[in-house]
Amino acid sequence: MKREKLLIEEEELVAILDDPNLRLFDATVVLDPAAAESGYDRYLAGHIPGSVFLDHGAISDPNSSVMYTIPEEKNLGEAIGALGISRDTPVVVYSTDMMAWATRIWWVLQYAGHRNVRVLNGGLQSWKGSLETAENIYTATTFDTDLSPQMFASKEEVISSITDGSACVVNTLTPEMYRGEEDVFYAGHISGSVNHPYFEFMDGTYLRHDASLAKILSEKEAGERMITYCGGGIAATLNACVVKMLGNDDVAVYDGSMAEWLQEDFPVTKGSSKGSLN
């Protein structure tokens, strides 16, 4: 996958902003160690002209015990269509700080079958033009799904991958969280997984250049298939996008991540060791 299939730069967005077919979304979520809160108030305070606020909950399973997990195919297609997205509408997504909130939407839409969705490199901070405060909305339409199930991993695949070595399972959070040194519910890591912090791929709010990304990735432990995870399946999408962009298409996100893993009381390791499921 080439870089331009994932990212759009501010200059190009300016050039297409008036395209009536464009669907431009602000996918901001405000995250602190205790909770994830809607970025709606930030959106109302100022957003790129024409953009619509996209609540992650709108395309998640409302019946799941884990926040922001993928719903069943029928519900996912209806939810995407309700946002005004069809298979024919180009989509651009951005967030106000952490790019992973935007890559999560990219990952979900790609999984659902949308092939023309990009993330604004640099997020709102890259925008040089004026902002608006008026709320926008798109007319609902129909979205026909064409799922790519290999893009999401289940807990069963994670367990089998660690047990038989069929995939490299990657924790994408900070080293402190991986070692269990932070005061968050998802402190520690899935036993047997390695640590590739998502922020290493970033230069501020921008994704690093391909050569730098490739160098960072080459220094990390990897396998033919890779499964990324984090606290709740968000930061994991940034790593997965980078891996995919650099040529490994066999990468999945463990959707439930640590939130589900801990609910199931599966083995967790603290410290720098990978640990073991045995």
Protein backbone atom coordinates (compact mmCIF):
# COMPACT_ATOMS: atom_id res chain seq x y z
CA MET A 1 0.00 0.00 0.00
CA LYS A 2 1.43 3.37 -0.97
CA ARG A 3 1.54 6.26 1.49
CA GLU A 4 -1.11 8.22 -0.41
CA LYS A 5 -3.59 5.37 0.09
CA LEU A 6 -3.46 6.03 3.82
CA LEU A 7 -2.62 9.72 4.15
CA ILE A 8 -3.69 13.02 2.67
CA GLU A 9 -1.65 16.19 3.22
CA GLU A 10 -3.21 19.52 4.11
CA GLU A 11 -2.49 21.05 0.69
CA GLU A 12 -4.41 18.33 -1.14
CA LEU A 13 -7.34 18.54 1.27
CA VAL A 14 -7.57 22.27 0.58
CA ALA A 15 -7.80 21.50 -3.15
CA ILE A 16 -10.71 19.06 -2.76
CA LEU A 17 -12.57 20.66 0.14
CA ASP A 18 -15.38 21.92 -2.11
CA ASP A 19 -15.98 18.53 -3.72
CA PRO A 20 -19.66 17.76 -3.00
CA ASN A 21 -18.89 14.04 -2.88
CA LEU A 22 -16.23 14.40 -0.18
CA ARG A 23 -17.09 13.13 3.28
CA LEU A 24 -14.84 14.86 5.81
CA PHE A 25 -14.97 13.75 9.45
CA ASP A 26 -13.56 14.90 12.77
CA ALA A 27 -13.09 11.68 14.77
CA THR A 28 -11.62 13.22 17.93
CA VAL A 29 -11.89 11.43 21.25
CA VAL A 30 -10.53 12.97 24.46
CA LEU A 31 -8.51 10.32 26.26
CA ASP A 32 -7.19 10.29 29.79
CA PRO A 33 -6.01 7.32 31.89
CA ALA A 34 -9.45 6.93 33.44
CA ALA A 35 -11.78 7.19 30.47
CA ALA A 36 -12.40 8.04 26.83
CA GLU A 37 -14.80 10.93 26.29
CA SER A 38 -16.44 12.28 23.16
CA GLY A 39 -14.55 15.00 21.33
CA TYR A 40 -17.82 16.68 20.34
CA ASP A 41 -17.16 19.81 22.42
CA ARG A 42 -13.76 20.21 20.75
CA TYR A 43 -15.47 19.87 17.39
CA LEU A 44 -17.94 22.63 18.26
CA ALA A 45 -15.09 24.85 19.44
CA GLY A 46 -13.57 24.76 15.96
CA HIS A 47 -13.24 22.33 13.07
CA ILE A 48 -12.21 22.23 9.43
CA PRO A 49 -14.99 23.86 7.36
CA GLY A 50 -17.55 21.35 6.18
CA SER A 51 -16.42 18.55 8.45
CA VAL A 52 -18.88 16.39 10.37
CA PHE A 53 -18.29 15.00 13.84
CA LEU A 54 -17.94 11.21 13.87
CA ASP A 55 -18.65 9.57 17.21
CA HIS A 56 -16.78 6.25 17.36
CA GLY A 57 -19.71 4.80 19.22
CA ALA A 58 -21.85 5.23 16.10
CA ILE A 59 -19.92 2.46 14.31
CA SER A 60 -19.35 0.24 17.34
CA ASP A 61 -21.29 -2.60 18.95
CA PRO A 62 -23.58 -1.03 21.60
CA ASN A 63 -24.08 -4.42 23.25
CA SER A 64 -20.40 -5.19 23.73
CA SER A 65 -18.87 -5.05 27.19
CA VAL A 66 -15.78 -3.55 25.53
CA MET A 67 -15.87 0.02 24.20
CA TYR A 68 -15.60 0.67 20.44
CA THR A 69 -15.63 -2.92 19.17
CA ILE A 70 -16.87 -3.83 15.68
CA PRO A 71 -20.60 -4.63 15.34
CA GLU A 72 -22.05 -7.40 13.19
CA GLU A 73 -21.87 -6.88 9.43
CA LYS A 74 -25.47 -5.77 8.90
CA ASN A 75 -25.32 -3.23 11.73
CA LEU A 76 -21.92 -1.98 10.60
CA GLY A 77 -23.13 -1.36 7.04
CA GLU A 78 -26.21 0.48 8.27
CA ALA A 79 -24.14 2.60 10.66
CA ILE A 80 -21.68 3.62 7.95
CA GLY A 81 -24.51 4.47 5.56
CA ALA A 82 -26.18 6.56 8.26
CA LEU A 83 -23.04 8.71 8.33
CA GLY A 84 -23.60 9.58 4.68
CA ILE A 85 -20.86 7.27 3.39
CA SER A 86 -21.36 5.07 0.36
CA ARG A 87 -18.77 2.93 -1.42
CA ASP A 88 -18.46 5.74 -4.00
CA THR A 89 -17.81 8.69 -1.67
CA PRO A 90 -14.20 9.66 -0.90
CA VAL A 91 -13.62 9.93 2.84
CA VAL A 92 -11.06 11.96 4.80
CA VAL A 93 -10.76 11.58 8.57
CA TYR A 94 -8.80 13.64 11.07
CA SER A 95 -8.47 14.08 14.82
CA THR A 96 -7.27 16.97 16.94
CA ASP A 97 -4.34 15.25 18.61
CA MET A 98 -3.79 11.47 18.56
CA MET A 99 -3.75 10.25 14.94
CA ALA A 100 -4.82 6.77 16.03
CA TRP A 101 -8.41 7.96 16.48
CA ALA A 102 -8.42 8.69 12.74
CA THR A 103 -6.56 5.50 11.75
CA ARG A 104 -9.15 3.53 13.72
CA ILE A 105 -11.87 4.90 11.43
CA TRP A 106 -9.66 4.16 8.39
CA TRP A 107 -9.23 0.57 9.59
CA VAL A 108 -12.94 0.04 10.24
CA LEU A 109 -13.99 1.47 6.87
CA GLN A 110 -11.36 -0.56 5.02
CA TYR A 111 -12.52 -3.67 6.87
CA ALA A 112 -16.09 -2.88 5.82
CA GLY A 113 -15.10 -2.60 2.16
CA HIS A 114 -14.44 1.11 1.59
CA ARG A 115 -11.32 1.61 -0.54
CA ASN A 116 -11.15 5.41 -0.75
CA VAL A 117 -10.56 6.67 2.77
CA ARG A 118 -7.55 8.66 3.97
CA VAL A 119 -6.26 10.21 7.17
CA LEU A 120 -5.19 13.85 7.33
CA ASN A 121 -1.49 13.80 8.16
CA GLY A 122 -0.91 16.07 11.14
CA GLY A 123 -4.57 16.21 12.09
CA LEU A 124 -6.26 19.49 12.89
CA GLN A 125 -2.89 21.00 13.80
CA SER A 126 -1.84 20.77 10.15
CA TRP A 127 -4.77 22.91 8.99
CA LYS A 128 -3.59 26.40 8.01
CA GLY A 129 -6.98 27.83 7.07
CA SER A 130 -9.79 29.19 9.18
CA LEU A 131 -12.01 27.02 11.36
CA GLU A 132 -15.77 27.01 11.72
CA THR A 133 -18.03 26.26 14.67
CA ALA A 134 -21.29 25.50 12.85
CA GLU A 135 -22.28 21.83 13.07
CA ASN A 136 -22.54 19.91 9.80
CA ILE A 137 -24.26 16.66 8.90
CA TYR A 138 -24.43 14.44 5.80
CA THR A 139 -27.56 12.88 4.36
CA ALA A 140 -27.80 9.18 5.13
CA THR A 141 -27.21 6.77 2.28
CA THR A 142 -26.61 3.07 1.66
CA PHE A 143 -23.29 1.35 2.26
CA ASP A 144 -22.79 -2.13 0.82
CA THR A 145 -20.30 -4.06 2.92
CA ASP A 146 -17.55 -6.30 1.56
CA LEU A 147 -15.76 -7.43 4.70
CA SER A 148 -12.06 -8.22 5.00
CA PRO A 149 -12.19 -10.46 8.10
CA GLN A 150 -8.42 -10.98 8.12
CA MET A 151 -8.03 -7.36 9.26
CA PHE A 152 -9.39 -8.09 12.74
CA ALA A 153 -8.11 -10.77 15.11
CA SER A 154 -10.13 -12.53 17.78
CA LYS A 155 -8.89 -13.53 21.22
CA GLU A 156 -8.80 -17.12 19.96
CA GLU A 157 -6.39 -16.18 17.17
CA VAL A 158 -4.21 -14.25 19.63
CA ILE A 159 -3.97 -17.27 21.90
CA SER A 160 -3.16 -19.67 19.08
CA SER A 161 -0.65 -17.24 17.54
CA ILE A 162 1.32 -16.93 20.77
CA THR A 163 1.11 -20.65 21.40
CA ASP A 164 2.26 -21.83 17.97
CA GLY A 165 4.19 -18.75 16.82
CA SER A 166 2.04 -18.28 13.72
CA ALA A 167 1.95 -14.49 14.22
CA CYS A 168 3.88 -11.80 16.05
CA VAL A 169 1.58 -10.28 18.68
CA VAL A 170 2.47 -6.64 19.31
CA ASN A 171 1.54 -4.35 22.20
CA THR A 172 1.53 -0.78 20.79
CA LEU A 173 1.40 1.17 24.06
CA THR A 174 4.21 2.89 25.93
CA PRO A 175 7.00 0.83 27.50
CA GLU A 176 5.76 1.92 30.93
CA MET A 177 2.27 0.59 30.19
CA TYR A 178 3.73 -2.59 28.69
CA ARG A 179 5.74 -3.17 31.87
CA GLY A 180 2.71 -2.41 34.05
CA GLU A 181 4.17 0.70 35.61
CA GLU A 182 1.33 3.08 34.74
CA ASP A 183 -1.83 3.44 36.83
CA VAL A 184 -4.26 2.34 34.14
CA PHE A 185 -6.55 -0.69 34.02
CA TYR A 186 -4.68 -2.14 31.04
CA ALA A 187 -1.23 -1.98 32.62
CA GLY A 188 0.93 -4.95 31.68
CA HIS A 189 0.75 -6.96 28.49
CA ILE A 190 -0.59 -10.14 26.96
CA SER A 191 1.89 -12.82 27.96
CA GLY A 192 4.08 -13.66 25.00
CA SER A 193 3.63 -10.35 23.19
CA VAL A 194 6.30 -7.79 22.30
CA ASN A 195 6.28 -3.99 22.59
CA HIS A 196 6.35 -1.61 19.60
CA PRO A 197 5.09 1.78 20.94
CA TYR A 198 2.89 3.60 18.44
CA PHE A 199 4.43 7.00 19.23
CA GLU A 200 7.77 5.93 17.74
CA PHE A 201 6.15 6.24 14.31
CA MET A 202 5.13 9.83 14.97
CA ASP A 203 6.88 13.19 14.63
CA GLY A 204 4.56 15.33 16.71
CA THR A 205 1.12 14.90 15.12
CA TYR A 206 2.62 13.80 11.78
CA LEU A 207 3.48 10.31 10.62
CA ARG A 208 7.21 10.02 9.93
CA HIS A 209 8.56 9.61 6.40
CA ASP A 210 8.58 6.11 4.93
CA ALA A 211 12.36 5.60 5.25
CA SER A 212 12.25 6.45 8.94
CA LEU A 213 9.23 4.21 9.49
CA ALA A 214 10.92 1.32 7.71
CA LYS A 215 14.07 1.72 9.82
CA ILE A 216 12.08 1.73 13.06
CA LEU A 217 10.08 -1.31 12.00
CA SER A 218 13.18 -3.22 10.87
CA GLU A 219 14.63 -2.90 14.37
CA LYS A 220 11.57 -4.52 15.92
CA GLU A 221 10.66 -8.15 16.22
CA ALA A 222 8.25 -9.15 13.47
CA GLY A 223 6.70 -12.11 11.72
CA GLU A 224 4.96 -12.90 8.47
CA ARG A 225 1.61 -12.19 10.11
CA MET A 226 1.31 -9.50 12.75
CA ILE A 227 -1.45 -8.84 15.27
CA THR A 228 -1.43 -5.47 17.03
CA TYR A 229 -3.29 -4.58 20.21
CA CYS A 230 -3.43 -1.84 22.85
CA GLY A 231 -5.88 -0.93 25.60
CA GLY A 232 -8.98 -0.88 23.41
CA GLY A 233 -8.09 -1.38 19.74
CA ILE A 234 -7.29 2.26 18.90
CA ALA A 235 -3.51 2.86 19.06
CA ALA A 236 -3.12 -0.63 17.58
CA THR A 237 -4.58 0.61 14.29
CA LEU A 238 -1.78 3.13 13.83
CA ASN A 239 0.89 0.41 13.98
CA ALA A 240 -1.19 -1.83 11.75
CA CYS A 241 -1.55 0.96 9.17
CA VAL A 242 2.20 1.56 9.15
CA VAL A 243 2.95 -2.14 8.72
CA LYS A 244 0.45 -2.32 5.88
CA MET A 245 1.81 0.83 4.27
CA LEU A 246 5.34 -0.57 4.31
CA GLY A 247 4.34 -3.67 2.41
CA ASN A 248 3.10 -6.31 4.86
CA ASP A 249 -0.58 -6.78 4.10
CA ASP A 250 -0.92 -9.67 6.56
CA VAL A 251 -1.61 -7.58 9.66
CA ALA A 252 -4.62 -7.56 11.96
CA VAL A 253 -5.86 -5.61 14.97
CA TYR A 254 -7.00 -7.49 18.07
CA ASP A 255 -10.25 -5.59 18.44
CA GLY A 256 -10.92 -6.40 22.09
CA SER A 257 -7.30 -5.74 23.10
CA MET A 258 -6.43 -5.55 26.81
CA ALA A 259 -9.98 -4.56 27.75
CA GLU A 260 -11.33 -7.92 26.60
CA TRP A 261 -8.22 -9.89 27.57
CA LEU A 262 -8.49 -8.76 31.19
CA GLN A 263 -12.22 -9.46 31.30
CA GLU A 264 -11.46 -13.02 30.28
CA ASP A 265 -8.77 -13.27 32.97
CA PHE A 266 -6.17 -14.48 30.49
CA PRO A 267 -2.45 -14.41 31.41
CA VAL A 268 -0.89 -10.95 31.77
CA THR A 269 2.80 -10.23 32.29
CA LYS A 270 4.30 -7.21 34.02
CA GLY A 271 7.91 -6.17 33.63
CA SER A 272 10.11 -6.18 30.54
CA SER A 273 9.80 -9.92 29.90
CA LYS A 274 7.46 -11.19 27.18
CA GLY A 275 6.16 -13.84 29.55
CA SER A 276 4.34 -16.98 28.46
CA LEU A 277 0.80 -18.31 28.22
CA ASN A 278 1.98 -21.58 29.78
